[in-house]
Amino acid sequence: MLSECRLQPSATVSAEQQAGRHLGIANHDHEVTSADELFVNLDGAVLENDGQRWTVEVCGIHSAGQRHWIQVTLNADDCCGVTVSTDRLAAANIRSVLADWLKSSSHLYDAARVVSAAHA
């Protein structure tokens, strides 16, 4: 079962800029951010674990100061929602964290699994 995640348009992007993007019109006033680069390099990535191929679907990237939270859905035969907290918006780093998490969380018990945990 696949879940549907959508990124919401940023409040700082005007309606004209949103319409231009939708129509494929280049907007030279819009600066590419680290979050944009992360999205392009992470969304659709495939991670392999225990013979399963998990496709990464980026649902959101949120930042506060120097801390970032990346919300993803990992899609395979199962579907898992995971939030990664990091101080670096680097796709390779996030892929590594997700792959390590899959390795440590690969056991299903009655179709239930802890999909996200946080600590300070």
C-alpha atoms as a PDB file:
ATOM      1  CA  MET A   1       0.000   0.000   0.000  1.00  0.00           C
ATOM      2  CA  LEU A   2       1.538   3.284  -1.080  1.00  0.00           C
ATOM      3  CA  SER A   3       0.814   6.519   0.706  1.00  0.00           C
ATOM      4  CA  GLU A   4       0.592   9.787  -1.109  1.00  0.00           C
ATOM      5  CA  CYS A   5       2.823  12.641   0.038  1.00  0.00           C
ATOM      6  CA  ARG A   6       2.831  16.086  -1.460  1.00  0.00           C
ATOM      7  CA  LEU A   7       5.040  19.082  -0.852  1.00  0.00           C
ATOM      8  CA  GLN A   8       3.118  22.239  -0.160  1.00  0.00           C
ATOM      9  CA  PRO A   9       4.146  25.400  -2.031  1.00  0.00           C
ATOM     10  CA  SER A  10       6.258  27.716   0.061  1.00  0.00           C
ATOM     11  CA  ALA A  11       4.544  30.824   1.354  1.00  0.00           C
ATOM     12  CA  THR A  12       7.547  32.832   0.119  1.00  0.00           C
ATOM     13  CA  VAL A  13       6.970  31.830  -3.508  1.00  0.00           C
ATOM     14  CA  SER A  14       4.470  34.007  -5.327  1.00  0.00           C
ATOM     15  CA  ALA A  15       1.501  32.618  -7.228  1.00  0.00           C
ATOM     16  CA  GLU A  16       3.113  33.831 -10.458  1.00  0.00           C
ATOM     17  CA  GLN A  17       6.300  31.889  -9.675  1.00  0.00           C
ATOM     18  CA  GLN A  18       4.257  28.776  -8.861  1.00  0.00           C
ATOM     19  CA  ALA A  19       2.330  29.127 -12.139  1.00  0.00           C
ATOM     20  CA  GLY A  20       5.578  29.658 -14.055  1.00  0.00           C
ATOM     21  CA  ARG A  21       7.080  26.487 -12.581  1.00  0.00           C
ATOM     22  CA  HIS A  22       3.955  24.528 -13.462  1.00  0.00           C
ATOM     23  CA  LEU A  23       4.117  25.770 -17.047  1.00  0.00           C
ATOM     24  CA  GLY A  24       7.862  25.139 -17.336  1.00  0.00           C
ATOM     25  CA  ILE A  25       8.757  28.827 -17.479  1.00  0.00           C
ATOM     26  CA  ALA A  26      12.210  29.559 -16.067  1.00  0.00           C
ATOM     27  CA  ASN A  27      12.295  31.922 -13.121  1.00  0.00           C
ATOM     28  CA  HIS A  28      15.689  33.502 -12.698  1.00  0.00           C
ATOM     29  CA  ASP A  29      14.689  35.244  -9.454  1.00  0.00           C
ATOM     30  CA  HIS A  30      14.285  31.936  -7.615  1.00  0.00           C
ATOM     31  CA  GLU A  31      17.480  30.773  -5.951  1.00  0.00           C
ATOM     32  CA  VAL A  32      18.034  27.022  -5.626  1.00  0.00           C
ATOM     33  CA  THR A  33      18.275  26.153  -1.937  1.00  0.00           C
ATOM     34  CA  SER A  34      19.990  23.279  -0.136  1.00  0.00           C
ATOM     35  CA  ALA A  35      16.523  21.820   0.501  1.00  0.00           C
ATOM     36  CA  ASP A  36      15.792  21.930  -3.254  1.00  0.00           C
ATOM     37  CA  GLU A  37      19.040  20.090  -3.974  1.00  0.00           C
ATOM     38  CA  LEU A  38      18.295  17.513  -1.272  1.00  0.00           C
ATOM     39  CA  PHE A  39      14.837  16.867  -2.707  1.00  0.00           C
ATOM     40  CA  VAL A  40      16.172  16.359  -6.240  1.00  0.00           C
ATOM     41  CA  ASN A  41      18.934  14.010  -5.043  1.00  0.00           C
ATOM     42  CA  LEU A  42      16.868  12.005  -2.530  1.00  0.00           C
ATOM     43  CA  ASP A  43      13.336  11.669  -3.924  1.00  0.00           C
ATOM     44  CA  GLY A  44      13.076   8.444  -5.935  1.00  0.00           C
ATOM     45  CA  ALA A  45      16.325   6.974  -4.564  1.00  0.00           C
ATOM     46  CA  VAL A  46      16.251   3.194  -4.130  1.00  0.00           C
ATOM     47  CA  LEU A  47      17.630   1.507  -1.006  1.00  0.00           C
ATOM     48  CA  GLU A  48      18.087  -2.252  -0.799  1.00  0.00           C
ATOM     49  CA  ASN A  49      17.734  -4.308   2.375  1.00  0.00           C
ATOM     50  CA  ASP A  50      17.079  -8.033   2.893  1.00  0.00           C
ATOM     51  CA  GLY A  51      16.199  -8.503  -0.776  1.00  0.00           C
ATOM     52  CA  GLN A  52      13.661  -5.677  -0.809  1.00  0.00           C
ATOM     53  CA  ARG A  53      13.995  -2.503  -2.833  1.00  0.00           C
ATOM     54  CA  TRP A  54      12.710   0.542  -0.950  1.00  0.00           C
ATOM     55  CA  THR A  55      11.899   3.694  -2.919  1.00  0.00           C
ATOM     56  CA  VAL A  56      12.354   6.968  -1.047  1.00  0.00           C
ATOM     57  CA  GLU A  57       9.523   9.478  -1.390  1.00  0.00           C
ATOM     58  CA  VAL A  58      10.301  12.874   0.163  1.00  0.00           C
ATOM     59  CA  CYS A  59       7.211  14.248   1.888  1.00  0.00           C
ATOM     60  CA  GLY A  60       8.688  17.344   3.509  1.00  0.00           C
ATOM     61  CA  ILE A  61      11.847  19.196   4.428  1.00  0.00           C
ATOM     62  CA  HIS A  62      11.579  21.526   7.401  1.00  0.00           C
ATOM     63  CA  SER A  63      14.298  23.722   8.869  1.00  0.00           C
ATOM     64  CA  ALA A  64      14.683  25.743  12.060  1.00  0.00           C
ATOM     65  CA  GLY A  65      18.021  27.461  12.460  1.00  0.00           C
ATOM     66  CA  GLN A  66      20.764  24.925  11.787  1.00  0.00           C
ATOM     67  CA  ARG A  67      18.494  21.875  12.359  1.00  0.00           C
ATOM     68  CA  HIS A  68      16.552  20.124   9.598  1.00  0.00           C
ATOM     69  CA  TRP A  69      13.849  17.462   9.587  1.00  0.00           C
ATOM     70  CA  ILE A  70      13.328  15.368   6.469  1.00  0.00           C
ATOM     71  CA  GLN A  71      10.062  13.442   6.280  1.00  0.00           C
ATOM     72  CA  VAL A  72      10.080  10.480   3.920  1.00  0.00           C
ATOM     73  CA  THR A  73       7.976   7.484   3.029  1.00  0.00           C
ATOM     74  CA  LEU A  74       9.879   4.291   2.216  1.00  0.00           C
ATOM     75  CA  ASN A  75       7.867   2.217  -0.247  1.00  0.00           C
ATOM     76  CA  ALA A  76       8.324  -1.513  -0.907  1.00  0.00           C
ATOM     77  CA  ASP A  77       5.964  -4.384  -0.043  1.00  0.00           C
ATOM     78  CA  ASP A  78       5.504  -2.416   3.178  1.00  0.00           C
ATOM     79  CA  CYS A  79       5.258   1.337   3.554  1.00  0.00           C
ATOM     80  CA  CYS A  80       7.102   3.163   6.351  1.00  0.00           C
ATOM     81  CA  GLY A  81       7.056   6.802   7.338  1.00  0.00           C
ATOM     82  CA  VAL A  82      10.324   8.075   8.766  1.00  0.00           C
ATOM     83  CA  THR A  83      11.510  11.482   9.939  1.00  0.00           C
ATOM     84  CA  VAL A  84      15.246  12.146   9.988  1.00  0.00           C
ATOM     85  CA  SER A  85      16.672  14.995  12.059  1.00  0.00           C
ATOM     86  CA  THR A  86      20.038  16.324  10.905  1.00  0.00           C
ATOM     87  CA  ASP A  87      22.254  19.373  10.792  1.00  0.00           C
ATOM     88  CA  ARG A  88      23.352  18.653   7.178  1.00  0.00           C
ATOM     89  CA  LEU A  89      21.138  18.637   4.095  1.00  0.00           C
ATOM     90  CA  ALA A  90      23.214  16.043   2.237  1.00  0.00           C
ATOM     91  CA  ALA A  91      21.402  13.334   0.263  1.00  0.00           C
ATOM     92  CA  ALA A  92      24.217  10.779   0.715  1.00  0.00           C
ATOM     93  CA  ASN A  93      24.076  11.283   4.482  1.00  0.00           C
ATOM     94  CA  ILE A  94      20.278  10.872   4.589  1.00  0.00           C
ATOM     95  CA  ARG A  95      20.402   7.756   2.351  1.00  0.00           C
ATOM     96  CA  SER A  96      22.998   6.258   4.708  1.00  0.00           C
ATOM     97  CA  VAL A  97      20.872   7.014   7.787  1.00  0.00           C
ATOM     98  CA  LEU A  98      17.795   5.473   6.121  1.00  0.00           C
ATOM     99  CA  ALA A  99      19.725   2.369   4.995  1.00  0.00           C
ATOM    100  CA  ASP A 100      21.085   1.878   8.527  1.00  0.00           C
ATOM    101  CA  TRP A 101      17.588   2.323   9.953  1.00  0.00           C
ATOM    102  CA  LEU A 102      16.174  -0.281   7.540  1.00  0.00           C
ATOM    103  CA  LYS A 103      18.881  -2.762   8.565  1.00  0.00           C
ATOM    104  CA  SER A 104      18.119  -2.292  12.257  1.00  0.00           C
ATOM    105  CA  SER A 105      14.313  -2.304  11.767  1.00  0.00           C
ATOM    106  CA  SER A 106      13.905  -5.127   9.274  1.00  0.00           C
ATOM    107  CA  HIS A 107      11.838  -7.429  11.489  1.00  0.00           C
ATOM    108  CA  LEU A 108       8.048  -7.350  11.216  1.00  0.00           C
ATOM    109  CA  TYR A 109       6.000  -8.560  14.172  1.00  0.00           C
ATOM    110  CA  ASP A 110       2.335  -9.125  13.339  1.00  0.00           C
ATOM    111  CA  ALA A 111       2.596  -6.407  10.667  1.00  0.00           C
ATOM    112  CA  ALA A 112       3.553  -3.829  13.320  1.00  0.00           C
ATOM    113  CA  ARG A 113       6.812  -1.920  13.334  1.00  0.00           C
ATOM    114  CA  VAL A 114       8.240   1.104  15.072  1.00  0.00           C
ATOM    115  CA  VAL A 115       8.789   3.505  12.173  1.00  0.00           C
ATOM    116  CA  SER A 116      10.092   6.594  13.894  1.00  0.00           C
ATOM    117  CA  ALA A 117      11.864   7.399  17.113  1.00  0.00           C
ATOM    118  CA  ALA A 118      13.377  10.596  18.411  1.00  0.00           C
ATOM    119  CA  HIS A 119      15.798  11.506  21.132  1.00  0.00           C
ATOM    120  CA  ALA A 120      17.290  14.797  22.203  1.00  0.00           C
END
